[in-house]
Amino acid sequence: MKFLKGLIVNLQFFTALPIRIEIPMDKAHLNHAARTFPILGLMQGAFYAGLLYVLMEWTPLSTTSIAFILWLAMILATGGLHLDGWMDVSDAFFSYQDQKRRLEIMSDSRIGAFGVLSVIVFLSARFLFIFEVISEPLSVVYALVLLIPFLSKSVMGAALLTVKPAKDSGLAVLFQSAGTARTLAVYPFYLAAAVAVCFIIEPIWIWPVLILSGVAVISLLLIRNRAVKWFGGITGDVLGASVEGTELLLWMTLWLLHYFAMV
């Protein structure tokens, strides 16, 4: 039951779904929330892949229109929460100030020029990758689109629980304080199950799945290193930026695979 409540906590915090259920924000429930980050990503991925399938197979819409609807759905599904983190981190990073000043900039509710420019580039790049990937649809694409949020949320959870907090308060500290050494132990089982299912459905899918998984691991290592160097540790904004950055990297990888490995 706490596992399900932990998932509901994630849906309330990290999606735009209007779930009106009060759940205690104690360590037990937050611990289960951290354990279900990948499940949250899987649910989001299933929504994106299902939406893409319906639009591709059952509507007369153009590729551009479908790419735009999927692109927009990714923004609306999270209420722009992670994009806000991306902009705040961009403002802080490109200020080229010390760690303390960067944390102050991230805490400022105002968005600067670097934040605006970075989100324009980010969203433009994601639209490009989506459009190019679906321009010549392959059955494996649906599975890989489903996998992208699953991997990005797994990276978020791993970064949250393995990198020290940069501040004494905030959303990241709240979740991190509830985590234990065993919280992440379930993540490899999630990944193994996802890989096994893809292999059972179509053995040849195993290669792009493993490649995307490897890119996610590389992204995690970069986040762990850069978060400490640039900001002194993890914050809610850094986690949001890590989700968006990992997903963009995975979409870029899928775009490259589409051209050089899956044609």
C-alpha atoms as a PDB file:
ATOM      1  CA  MET A   1       0.000   0.000   0.000  1.00  0.00           C
ATOM      2  CA  LYS A   2       2.813   2.439   0.807  1.00  0.00           C
ATOM      3  CA  PHE A   3       4.361   1.592  -2.572  1.00  0.00           C
ATOM      4  CA  LEU A   4       1.170   2.757  -4.308  1.00  0.00           C
ATOM      5  CA  LYS A   5       0.972   5.846  -2.102  1.00  0.00           C
ATOM      6  CA  GLY A   6       4.591   6.631  -2.954  1.00  0.00           C
ATOM      7  CA  LEU A   7       3.675   6.528  -6.638  1.00  0.00           C
ATOM      8  CA  ILE A   8       0.732   8.846  -5.998  1.00  0.00           C
ATOM      9  CA  VAL A   9       3.104  11.272  -4.260  1.00  0.00           C
ATOM     10  CA  ASN A  10       5.220  11.309  -7.425  1.00  0.00           C
ATOM     11  CA  LEU A  11       2.181  11.933  -9.609  1.00  0.00           C
ATOM     12  CA  GLN A  12       1.232  14.859  -7.385  1.00  0.00           C
ATOM     13  CA  PHE A  13       4.728  16.368  -7.298  1.00  0.00           C
ATOM     14  CA  PHE A  14       6.000  15.698 -10.813  1.00  0.00           C
ATOM     15  CA  THR A  15       2.951  15.730 -13.102  1.00  0.00           C
ATOM     16  CA  ALA A  16       0.084  18.074 -13.834  1.00  0.00           C
ATOM     17  CA  LEU A  17      -2.542  15.478 -12.873  1.00  0.00           C
ATOM     18  CA  PRO A  18      -5.062  16.965 -10.374  1.00  0.00           C
ATOM     19  CA  ILE A  19      -4.917  14.176  -7.776  1.00  0.00           C
ATOM     20  CA  ARG A  20      -6.745  15.279  -4.617  1.00  0.00           C
ATOM     21  CA  ILE A  21      -5.515  12.641  -2.191  1.00  0.00           C
ATOM     22  CA  GLU A  22      -3.776  13.640   1.011  1.00  0.00           C
ATOM     23  CA  ILE A  23      -0.771  11.475   1.787  1.00  0.00           C
ATOM     24  CA  PRO A  24       1.558  12.057   4.756  1.00  0.00           C
ATOM     25  CA  MET A  25       4.925  13.466   3.730  1.00  0.00           C
ATOM     26  CA  ASP A  26       6.769  11.213   6.166  1.00  0.00           C
ATOM     27  CA  LYS A  27       9.954   9.266   5.504  1.00  0.00           C
ATOM     28  CA  ALA A  28       8.180   5.990   4.797  1.00  0.00           C
ATOM     29  CA  HIS A  29       6.030   7.412   2.004  1.00  0.00           C
ATOM     30  CA  LEU A  30       8.822   9.548   0.538  1.00  0.00           C
ATOM     31  CA  ASN A  31      11.123   6.532   0.544  1.00  0.00           C
ATOM     32  CA  HIS A  32       8.583   4.608  -1.518  1.00  0.00           C
ATOM     33  CA  ALA A  33       8.190   7.656  -3.745  1.00  0.00           C
ATOM     34  CA  ALA A  34      11.927   7.558  -4.487  1.00  0.00           C
ATOM     35  CA  ARG A  35      11.675   3.842  -5.218  1.00  0.00           C
ATOM     36  CA  THR A  36       8.945   4.466  -7.770  1.00  0.00           C
ATOM     37  CA  PHE A  37      10.614   7.247  -9.764  1.00  0.00           C
ATOM     38  CA  PRO A  38      11.290   4.807 -12.643  1.00  0.00           C
ATOM     39  CA  ILE A  39       7.667   3.612 -12.532  1.00  0.00           C
ATOM     40  CA  LEU A  40       6.538   7.221 -12.858  1.00  0.00           C
ATOM     41  CA  GLY A  41       8.794   7.554 -15.894  1.00  0.00           C
ATOM     42  CA  LEU A  42       7.389   4.326 -17.336  1.00  0.00           C
ATOM     43  CA  MET A  43       3.855   5.665 -16.985  1.00  0.00           C
ATOM     44  CA  GLN A  44       4.813   8.902 -18.710  1.00  0.00           C
ATOM     45  CA  GLY A  45       6.593   6.983 -21.450  1.00  0.00           C
ATOM     46  CA  ALA A  46       3.547   4.753 -21.976  1.00  0.00           C
ATOM     47  CA  PHE A  47       1.408   7.868 -22.392  1.00  0.00           C
ATOM     48  CA  TYR A  48       3.815   9.405 -24.917  1.00  0.00           C
ATOM     49  CA  ALA A  49       4.246   6.172 -26.891  1.00  0.00           C
ATOM     50  CA  GLY A  50       0.490   5.506 -26.867  1.00  0.00           C
ATOM     51  CA  LEU A  51      -0.263   9.042 -28.009  1.00  0.00           C
ATOM     52  CA  LEU A  52       2.311   8.753 -30.783  1.00  0.00           C
ATOM     53  CA  TYR A  53       0.868   5.414 -31.922  1.00  0.00           C
ATOM     54  CA  VAL A  54      -2.695   6.759 -32.046  1.00  0.00           C
ATOM     55  CA  LEU A  55      -1.641   9.866 -33.943  1.00  0.00           C
ATOM     56  CA  MET A  56       0.519   7.922 -36.410  1.00  0.00           C
ATOM     57  CA  GLU A  57      -1.866   5.043 -37.074  1.00  0.00           C
ATOM     58  CA  TRP A  58      -5.347   6.451 -36.631  1.00  0.00           C
ATOM     59  CA  THR A  59      -5.234  10.073 -37.779  1.00  0.00           C
ATOM     60  CA  PRO A  60      -4.500  11.797 -41.107  1.00  0.00           C
ATOM     61  CA  LEU A  61      -2.301  14.405 -39.412  1.00  0.00           C
ATOM     62  CA  SER A  62       1.014  15.390 -40.954  1.00  0.00           C
ATOM     63  CA  THR A  63       4.338  14.430 -39.441  1.00  0.00           C
ATOM     64  CA  THR A  64       4.880  18.032 -38.386  1.00  0.00           C
ATOM     65  CA  SER A  65       1.524  18.167 -36.608  1.00  0.00           C
ATOM     66  CA  ILE A  66       2.133  14.866 -34.810  1.00  0.00           C
ATOM     67  CA  ALA A  67       5.613  15.961 -33.736  1.00  0.00           C
ATOM     68  CA  PHE A  68       4.189  19.206 -32.370  1.00  0.00           C
ATOM     69  CA  ILE A  69       1.393  17.458 -30.422  1.00  0.00           C
ATOM     70  CA  LEU A  70       3.862  15.011 -28.851  1.00  0.00           C
ATOM     71  CA  TRP A  71       6.296  17.852 -28.121  1.00  0.00           C
ATOM     72  CA  LEU A  72       3.533  19.860 -26.455  1.00  0.00           C
ATOM     73  CA  ALA A  73       2.251  16.843 -24.491  1.00  0.00           C
ATOM     74  CA  MET A  74       5.689  16.432 -22.903  1.00  0.00           C
ATOM     75  CA  ILE A  75       5.507  19.993 -21.599  1.00  0.00           C
ATOM     76  CA  LEU A  76       1.924  19.834 -20.382  1.00  0.00           C
ATOM     77  CA  ALA A  77       2.298  16.420 -18.695  1.00  0.00           C
ATOM     78  CA  THR A  78       4.762  17.839 -16.159  1.00  0.00           C
ATOM     79  CA  GLY A  79       3.322  21.344 -15.966  1.00  0.00           C
ATOM     80  CA  GLY A  80       6.703  22.689 -17.045  1.00  0.00           C
ATOM     81  CA  LEU A  81       8.177  21.740 -13.655  1.00  0.00           C
ATOM     82  CA  HIS A  82      11.455  20.354 -14.979  1.00  0.00           C
ATOM     83  CA  LEU A  83      11.742  23.103 -17.588  1.00  0.00           C
ATOM     84  CA  ASP A  84      11.672  25.630 -14.753  1.00  0.00           C
ATOM     85  CA  GLY A  85      14.661  23.824 -13.249  1.00  0.00           C
ATOM     86  CA  TRP A  86      16.420  23.857 -16.623  1.00  0.00           C
ATOM     87  CA  MET A  87      16.006  27.634 -16.901  1.00  0.00           C
ATOM     88  CA  ASP A  88      17.078  28.334 -13.314  1.00  0.00           C
ATOM     89  CA  VAL A  89      20.171  26.165 -13.671  1.00  0.00           C
ATOM     90  CA  SER A  90      21.022  27.814 -17.005  1.00  0.00           C
ATOM     91  CA  ASP A  91      20.809  31.269 -15.443  1.00  0.00           C
ATOM     92  CA  ALA A  92      23.008  30.155 -12.549  1.00  0.00           C
ATOM     93  CA  PHE A  93      25.583  28.337 -14.662  1.00  0.00           C
ATOM     94  CA  PHE A  94      26.032  31.038 -17.279  1.00  0.00           C
ATOM     95  CA  SER A  95      26.446  33.691 -14.612  1.00  0.00           C
ATOM     96  CA  TYR A  96      29.971  32.294 -14.094  1.00  0.00           C
ATOM     97  CA  GLN A  97      29.769  33.143 -10.398  1.00  0.00           C
ATOM     98  CA  ASP A  98      30.932  31.074  -7.421  1.00  0.00           C
ATOM     99  CA  GLN A  99      28.798  28.262  -5.986  1.00  0.00           C
ATOM    100  CA  LYS A 100      27.127  30.404  -3.329  1.00  0.00           C
ATOM    101  CA  ARG A 101      26.066  33.057  -5.831  1.00  0.00           C
ATOM    102  CA  ARG A 102      24.821  30.394  -8.259  1.00  0.00           C
ATOM    103  CA  LEU A 103      22.567  28.956  -5.564  1.00  0.00           C
ATOM    104  CA  GLU A 104      21.190  32.425  -4.895  1.00  0.00           C
ATOM    105  CA  ILE A 105      20.462  32.903  -8.587  1.00  0.00           C
ATOM    106  CA  MET A 106      18.635  29.567  -8.751  1.00  0.00           C
ATOM    107  CA  SER A 107      16.504  30.609  -5.782  1.00  0.00           C
ATOM    108  CA  ASP A 108      15.439  33.812  -7.530  1.00  0.00           C
ATOM    109  CA  SER A 109      11.934  33.444  -8.998  1.00  0.00           C
ATOM    110  CA  ARG A 110      12.828  35.699 -11.917  1.00  0.00           C
ATOM    111  CA  ILE A 111      14.109  34.212 -15.183  1.00  0.00           C
ATOM    112  CA  GLY A 112      17.102  35.858 -16.861  1.00  0.00           C
ATOM    113  CA  ALA A 113      18.160  36.082 -20.485  1.00  0.00           C
ATOM    114  CA  PHE A 114      20.298  32.940 -20.326  1.00  0.00           C
ATOM    115  CA  GLY A 115      17.362  30.942 -18.980  1.00  0.00           C
ATOM    116  CA  VAL A 116      15.102  32.119 -21.798  1.00  0.00           C
ATOM    117  CA  LEU A 117      17.688  31.473 -24.495  1.00  0.00           C
ATOM    118  CA  SER A 118      18.575  28.042 -23.140  1.00  0.00           C
ATOM    119  CA  VAL A 119      14.961  26.853 -23.006  1.00  0.00           C
ATOM    120  CA  ILE A 120      14.359  28.079 -26.568  1.00  0.00           C
ATOM    121  CA  VAL A 121      17.361  26.092 -27.787  1.00  0.00           C
ATOM    122  CA  PHE A 122      16.350  23.098 -25.684  1.00  0.00           C
ATOM    123  CA  LEU A 123      12.754  22.967 -26.896  1.00  0.00           C
ATOM    124  CA  SER A 124      13.784  23.585 -30.501  1.00  0.00           C
ATOM    125  CA  ALA A 125      16.275  20.726 -30.366  1.00  0.00           C
ATOM    126  CA  ARG A 126      13.716  18.359 -28.843  1.00  0.00           C
ATOM    127  CA  PHE A 127      11.169  19.214 -31.527  1.00  0.00           C
ATOM    128  CA  LEU A 128      13.783  18.579 -34.216  1.00  0.00           C
ATOM    129  CA  PHE A 129      14.684  15.167 -32.776  1.00  0.00           C
ATOM    130  CA  ILE A 130      11.024  14.151 -32.408  1.00  0.00           C
ATOM    131  CA  PHE A 131      10.188  15.224 -35.959  1.00  0.00           C
ATOM    132  CA  GLU A 132      13.168  13.451 -37.487  1.00  0.00           C
ATOM    133  CA  VAL A 133      12.593  10.230 -35.512  1.00  0.00           C
ATOM    134  CA  ILE A 134       8.925   9.887 -36.453  1.00  0.00           C
ATOM    135  CA  SER A 135       9.412  10.934 -40.084  1.00  0.00           C
ATOM    136  CA  GLU A 136      10.113   7.299 -40.959  1.00  0.00           C
ATOM    137  CA  PRO A 137       8.330   5.353 -38.196  1.00  0.00           C
ATOM    138  CA  LEU A 138       9.646   1.976 -37.077  1.00  0.00           C
ATOM    139  CA  SER A 139       7.949  -0.331 -34.583  1.00  0.00           C
ATOM    140  CA  VAL A 140      10.932  -0.154 -32.215  1.00  0.00           C
ATOM    141  CA  VAL A 141      10.516   3.620 -31.930  1.00  0.00           C
ATOM    142  CA  TYR A 142       7.405   3.216 -29.785  1.00  0.00           C
ATOM    143  CA  ALA A 143       9.326   1.053 -27.301  1.00  0.00           C
ATOM    144  CA  LEU A 144      12.235   3.489 -27.195  1.00  0.00           C
ATOM    145  CA  VAL A 145       9.976   6.524 -26.729  1.00  0.00           C
ATOM    146  CA  LEU A 146       8.441   4.672 -23.769  1.00  0.00           C
ATOM    147  CA  LEU A 147      11.902   3.982 -22.389  1.00  0.00           C
ATOM    148  CA  ILE A 148      13.196   7.573 -22.453  1.00  0.00           C
ATOM    149  CA  PRO A 149      11.215   8.944 -19.461  1.00  0.00           C
ATOM    150  CA  PHE A 150      11.813   5.677 -17.603  1.00  0.00           C
ATOM    151  CA  LEU A 151      15.569   6.167 -17.909  1.00  0.00           C
ATOM    152  CA  SER A 152      15.496   9.895 -17.149  1.00  0.00           C
ATOM    153  CA  LYS A 153      13.498   9.372 -13.951  1.00  0.00           C
ATOM    154  CA  SER A 154      15.895   6.577 -12.958  1.00  0.00           C
ATOM    155  CA  VAL A 155      18.787   9.004 -13.427  1.00  0.00           C
ATOM    156  CA  MET A 156      16.938  11.570 -11.326  1.00  0.00           C
ATOM    157  CA  GLY A 157      16.480   9.101  -8.481  1.00  0.00           C
ATOM    158  CA  ALA A 158      20.067   7.889  -8.617  1.00  0.00           C
ATOM    159  CA  ALA A 159      21.416  11.452  -8.633  1.00  0.00           C
ATOM    160  CA  LEU A 160      19.119  12.450  -5.772  1.00  0.00           C
ATOM    161  CA  LEU A 161      20.278   9.624  -3.521  1.00  0.00           C
ATOM    162  CA  THR A 162      23.980   9.536  -4.381  1.00  0.00           C
ATOM    163  CA  VAL A 163      24.939  13.224  -4.462  1.00  0.00           C
ATOM    164  CA  LYS A 164      25.089  15.437  -1.379  1.00  0.00           C
ATOM    165  CA  PRO A 165      22.534  18.256  -1.111  1.00  0.00           C
ATOM    166  CA  ALA A 166      23.718  21.765  -1.906  1.00  0.00           C
ATOM    167  CA  LYS A 167      21.296  23.365   0.574  1.00  0.00           C
ATOM    168  CA  ASP A 168      19.863  22.551   3.988  1.00  0.00           C
ATOM    169  CA  SER A 169      16.252  22.788   2.803  1.00  0.00           C
ATOM    170  CA  GLY A 170      14.138  22.260  -0.282  1.00  0.00           C
ATOM    171  CA  LEU A 171      12.363  19.498  -2.177  1.00  0.00           C
ATOM    172  CA  ALA A 172      15.562  17.574  -2.890  1.00  0.00           C
ATOM    173  CA  VAL A 173      16.503  17.513   0.801  1.00  0.00           C
ATOM    174  CA  LEU A 174      12.996  16.383   1.711  1.00  0.00           C
ATOM    175  CA  PHE A 175      13.191  13.350  -0.569  1.00  0.00           C
ATOM    176  CA  GLN A 176      16.858  12.664   0.118  1.00  0.00           C
ATOM    177  CA  SER A 177      16.360  12.563   3.877  1.00  0.00           C
ATOM    178  CA  ALA A 178      13.889   9.710   3.423  1.00  0.00           C
ATOM    179  CA  GLY A 179      16.181   7.607   1.231  1.00  0.00           C
ATOM    180  CA  THR A 180      18.213   4.672   2.468  1.00  0.00           C
ATOM    181  CA  ALA A 181      20.968   2.542   1.024  1.00  0.00           C
ATOM    182  CA  ARG A 182      18.339   0.055  -0.133  1.00  0.00           C
ATOM    183  CA  THR A 183      16.135   2.583  -1.919  1.00  0.00           C
ATOM    184  CA  LEU A 184      18.130   2.352  -5.146  1.00  0.00           C
ATOM    185  CA  ALA A 185      18.516  -1.424  -4.951  1.00  0.00           C
ATOM    186  CA  VAL A 186      15.304  -1.932  -6.910  1.00  0.00           C
ATOM    187  CA  TYR A 187      16.403   0.237  -9.873  1.00  0.00           C
ATOM    188  CA  PRO A 188      18.572  -2.447 -11.574  1.00  0.00           C
ATOM    189  CA  PHE A 189      15.631  -4.866 -11.388  1.00  0.00           C
ATOM    190  CA  TYR A 190      13.392  -2.325 -13.112  1.00  0.00           C
ATOM    191  CA  LEU A 191      15.958  -1.917 -15.881  1.00  0.00           C
ATOM    192  CA  ALA A 192      16.534  -5.660 -16.241  1.00  0.00           C
ATOM    193  CA  ALA A 193      12.782  -6.214 -16.535  1.00  0.00           C
ATOM    194  CA  ALA A 194      12.464  -3.514 -19.206  1.00  0.00           C
ATOM    195  CA  VAL A 195      15.343  -4.982 -21.210  1.00  0.00           C
ATOM    196  CA  ALA A 196      13.919  -8.503 -20.876  1.00  0.00           C
ATOM    197  CA  VAL A 197      10.469  -7.427 -22.086  1.00  0.00           C
ATOM    198  CA  CYS A 198      11.952  -5.698 -25.128  1.00  0.00           C
ATOM    199  CA  PHE A 199      14.049  -8.785 -25.883  1.00  0.00           C
ATOM    200  CA  ILE A 200      11.008 -11.073 -25.619  1.00  0.00           C
ATOM    201  CA  ILE A 201       8.944  -8.876 -27.938  1.00  0.00           C
ATOM    202  CA  GLU A 202      11.706  -8.518 -30.521  1.00  0.00           C
ATOM    203  CA  PRO A 203      15.297  -9.716 -29.847  1.00  0.00           C
ATOM    204  CA  ILE A 204      16.831  -7.202 -32.252  1.00  0.00           C
ATOM    205  CA  TRP A 205      15.482  -4.362 -30.091  1.00  0.00           C
ATOM    206  CA  ILE A 206      18.008  -5.233 -27.405  1.00  0.00           C
ATOM    207  CA  TRP A 207      20.790  -3.207 -29.039  1.00  0.00           C
ATOM    208  CA  PRO A 208      19.116   0.224 -29.156  1.00  0.00           C
ATOM    209  CA  VAL A 209      17.728  -0.413 -25.655  1.00  0.00           C
ATOM    210  CA  LEU A 210      21.196  -1.176 -24.304  1.00  0.00           C
ATOM    211  CA  ILE A 211      22.647   1.848 -26.080  1.00  0.00           C
ATOM    212  CA  LEU A 212      20.054   4.188 -24.571  1.00  0.00           C
ATOM    213  CA  SER A 213      20.649   2.623 -21.151  1.00  0.00           C
ATOM    214  CA  GLY A 214      24.393   3.201 -21.527  1.00  0.00           C
ATOM    215  CA  VAL A 215      23.813   6.845 -22.477  1.00  0.00           C
ATOM    216  CA  ALA A 216      21.641   7.249 -19.364  1.00  0.00           C
ATOM    217  CA  VAL A 217      24.479   5.884 -17.196  1.00  0.00           C
ATOM    218  CA  ILE A 218      26.918   8.332 -18.799  1.00  0.00           C
ATOM    219  CA  SER A 219      24.451  11.160 -18.150  1.00  0.00           C
ATOM    220  CA  LEU A 220      24.232  10.141 -14.477  1.00  0.00           C
ATOM    221  CA  LEU A 221      28.009  10.173 -14.094  1.00  0.00           C
ATOM    222  CA  LEU A 222      28.220  13.631 -15.666  1.00  0.00           C
ATOM    223  CA  ILE A 223      25.446  14.966 -13.442  1.00  0.00           C
ATOM    224  CA  ARG A 224      27.071  13.590 -10.296  1.00  0.00           C
ATOM    225  CA  ASN A 225      30.360  15.262 -11.183  1.00  0.00           C
ATOM    226  CA  ARG A 226      29.073  18.578 -12.509  1.00  0.00           C
ATOM    227  CA  ALA A 227      26.442  19.117  -9.802  1.00  0.00           C
ATOM    228  CA  VAL A 228      29.082  19.083  -7.098  1.00  0.00           C
ATOM    229  CA  LYS A 229      31.589  21.140  -9.067  1.00  0.00           C
ATOM    230  CA  TRP A 230      29.177  23.824 -10.257  1.00  0.00           C
ATOM    231  CA  PHE A 231      26.627  24.035  -7.452  1.00  0.00           C
ATOM    232  CA  GLY A 232      28.104  22.217  -4.465  1.00  0.00           C
ATOM    233  CA  GLY A 233      25.587  19.389  -4.734  1.00  0.00           C
ATOM    234  CA  ILE A 234      22.004  18.558  -5.667  1.00  0.00           C
ATOM    235  CA  THR A 235      18.982  20.873  -5.499  1.00  0.00           C
ATOM    236  CA  GLY A 236      15.451  20.545  -6.829  1.00  0.00           C
ATOM    237  CA  ASP A 237      16.356  22.752  -9.794  1.00  0.00           C
ATOM    238  CA  VAL A 238      19.439  20.676 -10.590  1.00  0.00           C
ATOM    239  CA  LEU A 239      17.318  17.515 -10.511  1.00  0.00           C
ATOM    240  CA  GLY A 240      14.766  19.093 -12.842  1.00  0.00           C
ATOM    241  CA  ALA A 241      17.516  20.142 -15.228  1.00  0.00           C
ATOM    242  CA  SER A 242      19.026  16.654 -15.038  1.00  0.00           C
ATOM    243  CA  VAL A 243      15.725  15.092 -16.112  1.00  0.00           C
ATOM    244  CA  GLU A 244      15.375  17.434 -19.084  1.00  0.00           C
ATOM    245  CA  GLY A 245      19.046  17.176 -20.027  1.00  0.00           C
ATOM    246  CA  THR A 246      19.019  13.376 -19.869  1.00  0.00           C
ATOM    247  CA  GLU A 247      15.862  13.170 -21.968  1.00  0.00           C
ATOM    248  CA  LEU A 248      17.316  15.514 -24.576  1.00  0.00           C
ATOM    249  CA  LEU A 249      20.483  13.419 -24.710  1.00  0.00           C
ATOM    250  CA  LEU A 250      18.397  10.259 -25.107  1.00  0.00           C
ATOM    251  CA  TRP A 251      16.288  11.815 -27.852  1.00  0.00           C
ATOM    252  CA  MET A 252      19.464  12.869 -29.635  1.00  0.00           C
ATOM    253  CA  THR A 253      20.776   9.301 -29.321  1.00  0.00           C
ATOM    254  CA  LEU A 254      17.509   7.929 -30.706  1.00  0.00           C
ATOM    255  CA  TRP A 255      17.772  10.423 -33.568  1.00  0.00           C
ATOM    256  CA  LEU A 256      21.304   9.222 -34.378  1.00  0.00           C
ATOM    257  CA  LEU A 257      20.252   5.580 -34.100  1.00  0.00           C
ATOM    258  CA  HIS A 258      17.368   6.257 -36.444  1.00  0.00           C
ATOM    259  CA  TYR A 259      19.765   7.426 -39.135  1.00  0.00           C
ATOM    260  CA  PHE A 260      22.763   5.187 -38.652  1.00  0.00           C
ATOM    261  CA  ALA A 261      21.553   1.968 -37.015  1.00  0.00           C
ATOM    262  CA  MET A 262      17.827   1.434 -37.543  1.00  0.00           C
ATOM    263  CA  VAL A 263      17.298   2.215 -41.228  1.00  0.00           C
END
